[in-house]
């Protein structure tokens, strides 16, 4: 009986899961995507650029024009 004691402790949360049907997958996917982008952004010189990178990548915004172009 002790093996099922956790069911009593988490009964309300389990019932809420089946009642509301909200999934955590999309939020976890965005968190993972932000983490990957931040790892790619290692070495940016300013915090402003570091913060701007995930915003542009996750929202599919165009990158701002820079003074230098690389061919």
N, C-alpha and C. Protein backbone atom coordinates (compact mmCIF):
# COMPACT_ATOMS: atom_id res chain seq x y z
N UNK A 1 0.82 -1.20 0.00
CA UNK A 1 0.00 0.00 0.00
C UNK A 1 0.86 1.27 0.00
N UNK A 2 2.06 1.15 0.55
CA UNK A 2 2.94 2.31 0.58
C UNK A 2 3.37 2.72 -0.82
N UNK A 3 3.39 1.77 -1.75
CA UNK A 3 3.80 2.07 -3.12
C UNK A 3 2.84 3.04 -3.81
N UNK A 4 1.59 3.05 -3.39
CA UNK A 4 0.59 3.90 -4.02
C UNK A 4 0.26 5.14 -3.19
N UNK A 5 1.06 5.41 -2.17
CA UNK A 5 0.82 6.59 -1.33
C UNK A 5 1.01 7.88 -2.13
N UNK A 6 1.88 7.84 -3.13
CA UNK A 6 2.10 9.05 -3.93
C UNK A 6 0.86 9.42 -4.73
N UNK A 7 0.01 8.45 -5.04
CA UNK A 7 -1.23 8.76 -5.74
C UNK A 7 -2.13 9.65 -4.91
N UNK A 8 -2.19 9.38 -3.62
CA UNK A 8 -3.01 10.23 -2.73
C UNK A 8 -2.43 11.64 -2.66
N UNK A 9 -1.11 11.72 -2.57
CA UNK A 9 -0.48 13.04 -2.47
C UNK A 9 -0.67 13.87 -3.73
N UNK A 10 -0.68 13.23 -4.89
CA UNK A 10 -0.76 13.95 -6.16
C UNK A 10 -2.11 13.78 -6.85
N UNK A 11 -3.10 13.36 -6.13
CA UNK A 11 -4.40 13.09 -6.72
C UNK A 11 -5.01 14.34 -7.36
N UNK A 12 -4.93 15.47 -6.69
CA UNK A 12 -5.52 16.70 -7.22
C UNK A 12 -4.85 17.12 -8.52
N UNK A 13 -3.52 17.04 -8.56
CA UNK A 13 -2.79 17.40 -9.78
C UNK A 13 -3.09 16.47 -10.93
N UNK A 14 -3.21 15.19 -10.64
CA UNK A 14 -3.55 14.22 -11.68
C UNK A 14 -4.94 14.45 -12.24
N UNK A 15 -5.88 14.73 -11.37
CA UNK A 15 -7.25 14.99 -11.83
C UNK A 15 -7.33 16.28 -12.64
N UNK A 16 -6.55 17.29 -12.24
CA UNK A 16 -6.51 18.55 -13.00
C UNK A 16 -5.96 18.33 -14.40
N UNK A 17 -4.98 17.44 -14.52
CA UNK A 17 -4.39 17.15 -15.83
C UNK A 17 -5.46 16.62 -16.79
N UNK A 18 -6.28 15.72 -16.33
CA UNK A 18 -7.30 15.14 -17.20
C UNK A 18 -8.50 16.08 -17.40
N UNK A 19 -8.71 16.99 -16.48
CA UNK A 19 -9.83 17.92 -16.60
C UNK A 19 -9.51 19.06 -17.57
N UNK A 20 -8.33 19.66 -17.43
CA UNK A 20 -7.99 20.86 -18.19
C UNK A 20 -7.35 20.51 -19.54
N UNK A 21 -6.61 19.42 -19.62
CA UNK A 21 -5.95 18.97 -20.84
C UNK A 21 -4.95 19.97 -21.40
N UNK A 22 -4.17 20.60 -20.53
CA UNK A 22 -3.11 21.49 -20.96
C UNK A 22 -1.82 20.68 -21.00
N UNK A 23 -1.11 20.76 -22.11
CA UNK A 23 0.12 20.02 -22.27
C UNK A 23 1.32 20.94 -22.06
N UNK A 24 2.41 20.37 -21.60
CA UNK A 24 3.61 21.12 -21.30
C UNK A 24 4.59 21.09 -22.48
N UNK A 25 4.32 20.31 -23.50
CA UNK A 25 5.24 20.12 -24.62
C UNK A 25 5.63 21.39 -25.35
N UNK A 26 4.68 22.25 -25.74
CA UNK A 26 5.08 23.47 -26.46
C UNK A 26 6.00 24.39 -25.65
N UNK A 27 5.74 24.49 -24.37
CA UNK A 27 6.59 25.35 -23.52
C UNK A 27 7.99 24.75 -23.40
N UNK A 28 8.08 23.43 -23.23
CA UNK A 28 9.38 22.79 -23.15
C UNK A 28 10.14 22.93 -24.47
N UNK A 29 9.41 22.87 -25.59
CA UNK A 29 10.06 23.05 -26.88
C UNK A 29 10.64 24.44 -27.05
N UNK A 30 9.90 25.46 -26.62
CA UNK A 30 10.42 26.83 -26.69
C UNK A 30 11.62 27.02 -25.77
N UNK A 31 11.57 26.43 -24.58
CA UNK A 31 12.71 26.53 -23.67
C UNK A 31 13.95 25.88 -24.26
N UNK A 32 13.77 24.72 -24.89
CA UNK A 32 14.90 24.05 -25.51
C UNK A 32 15.46 24.86 -26.67
N UNK A 33 14.58 25.42 -27.47
CA UNK A 33 15.02 26.23 -28.61
C UNK A 33 15.79 27.46 -28.13
N UNK A 34 15.31 28.11 -27.07
CA UNK A 34 16.00 29.29 -26.52
C UNK A 34 17.37 28.89 -25.97
N UNK A 35 17.46 27.72 -25.36
CA UNK A 35 18.74 27.26 -24.82
C UNK A 35 19.74 26.99 -25.93
N UNK A 36 19.29 26.37 -27.02
CA UNK A 36 20.18 26.09 -28.15
C UNK A 36 20.66 27.39 -28.78
N UNK A 37 19.76 28.36 -28.94
CA UNK A 37 20.14 29.64 -29.53
C UNK A 37 21.14 30.37 -28.63
N UNK A 38 20.93 30.30 -27.31
CA UNK A 38 21.86 30.98 -26.41
C UNK A 38 23.23 30.31 -26.42
N UNK A 39 23.29 29.00 -26.62
CA UNK A 39 24.59 28.34 -26.73
C UNK A 39 25.30 28.74 -28.02
N UNK A 40 24.55 28.92 -29.10
CA UNK A 40 25.14 29.39 -30.35
C UNK A 40 25.61 30.83 -30.23
N UNK A 41 24.98 31.61 -29.36
CA UNK A 41 25.28 33.03 -29.22
C UNK A 41 26.47 33.28 -28.32
N UNK A 42 27.12 32.24 -27.86
CA UNK A 42 28.27 32.43 -26.97
C UNK A 42 29.35 33.24 -27.70
N UNK A 43 29.81 34.30 -27.09
CA UNK A 43 30.83 35.14 -27.68
C UNK A 43 30.31 36.48 -28.17
N UNK A 44 29.02 36.73 -28.08
CA UNK A 44 28.52 38.04 -28.44
C UNK A 44 29.13 39.08 -27.51
N UNK A 45 29.37 40.25 -28.03
CA UNK A 45 30.11 41.25 -27.27
C UNK A 45 29.27 42.02 -26.27
N UNK A 46 28.00 42.21 -26.58
CA UNK A 46 27.17 42.99 -25.67
C UNK A 46 25.96 42.18 -25.23
N UNK A 47 25.46 42.42 -24.03
CA UNK A 47 24.25 41.71 -23.57
C UNK A 47 23.04 42.01 -24.46
N UNK A 48 23.01 43.21 -25.05
CA UNK A 48 21.89 43.58 -25.91
C UNK A 48 21.83 42.65 -27.13
N UNK A 49 22.98 42.35 -27.71
CA UNK A 49 23.02 41.43 -28.85
C UNK A 49 22.66 40.01 -28.43
N UNK A 50 23.09 39.62 -27.24
CA UNK A 50 22.81 38.28 -26.72
C UNK A 50 21.30 38.09 -26.52
N UNK A 51 20.63 39.12 -26.04
CA UNK A 51 19.18 39.05 -25.82
C UNK A 51 18.43 39.16 -27.14
N UNK A 52 18.94 39.94 -28.06
CA UNK A 52 18.28 40.16 -29.34
C UNK A 52 18.27 38.90 -30.21
N UNK A 53 19.29 38.08 -30.10
CA UNK A 53 19.41 36.89 -30.95
C UNK A 53 18.24 35.92 -30.78
N UNK A 54 17.87 35.47 -29.57
CA UNK A 54 16.71 34.56 -29.48
C UNK A 54 15.41 35.21 -29.92
N UNK A 55 15.27 36.51 -29.68
CA UNK A 55 14.05 37.19 -30.10
C UNK A 55 13.89 37.13 -31.62
N UNK A 56 14.96 37.33 -32.35
CA UNK A 56 14.90 37.30 -33.80
C UNK A 56 14.73 35.88 -34.32
N UNK A 57 15.42 34.92 -33.71
CA UNK A 57 15.36 33.55 -34.20
C UNK A 57 14.01 32.91 -33.91
N UNK A 58 13.46 33.14 -32.74
CA UNK A 58 12.22 32.47 -32.37
C UNK A 58 10.99 33.15 -32.97
N UNK A 59 11.08 34.42 -33.29
CA UNK A 59 9.94 35.12 -33.86
C UNK A 59 10.04 35.25 -35.37
N UNK A 60 11.11 34.70 -35.96
CA UNK A 60 11.35 34.77 -37.41
C UNK A 60 11.38 36.22 -37.90
N UNK A 61 12.00 37.09 -37.11
CA UNK A 61 12.14 38.49 -37.50
C UNK A 61 13.39 38.64 -38.37
N UNK A 62 13.40 39.61 -39.26
CA UNK A 62 14.60 39.82 -40.06
C UNK A 62 15.72 40.38 -39.18
N UNK A 63 16.94 39.99 -39.49
CA UNK A 63 18.07 40.51 -38.74
C UNK A 63 18.31 41.96 -39.13
N UNK A 64 18.76 42.79 -38.19
CA UNK A 64 18.99 44.20 -38.51
C UNK A 64 20.19 44.35 -39.46
N UNK A 65 20.17 45.44 -40.21
CA UNK A 65 21.26 45.71 -41.12
C UNK A 65 22.52 46.05 -40.32
N UNK A 66 23.64 45.55 -40.79
CA UNK A 66 24.91 45.85 -40.14
C UNK A 66 25.77 46.65 -41.09
N UNK A 67 26.83 47.22 -40.58
CA UNK A 67 27.70 48.04 -41.41
C UNK A 67 28.55 47.15 -42.32
N UNK A 68 28.87 45.95 -41.88
CA UNK A 68 29.73 45.06 -42.64
C UNK A 68 28.91 43.95 -43.28
N UNK A 69 29.32 43.57 -44.47
CA UNK A 69 28.69 42.42 -45.12
C UNK A 69 29.77 41.40 -45.39
N UNK A 70 29.41 40.15 -45.28
CA UNK A 70 30.35 39.08 -45.54
C UNK A 70 29.85 38.29 -46.72
N UNK A 71 30.72 38.11 -47.70
CA UNK A 71 30.30 37.40 -48.91
C UNK A 71 30.67 35.94 -48.85
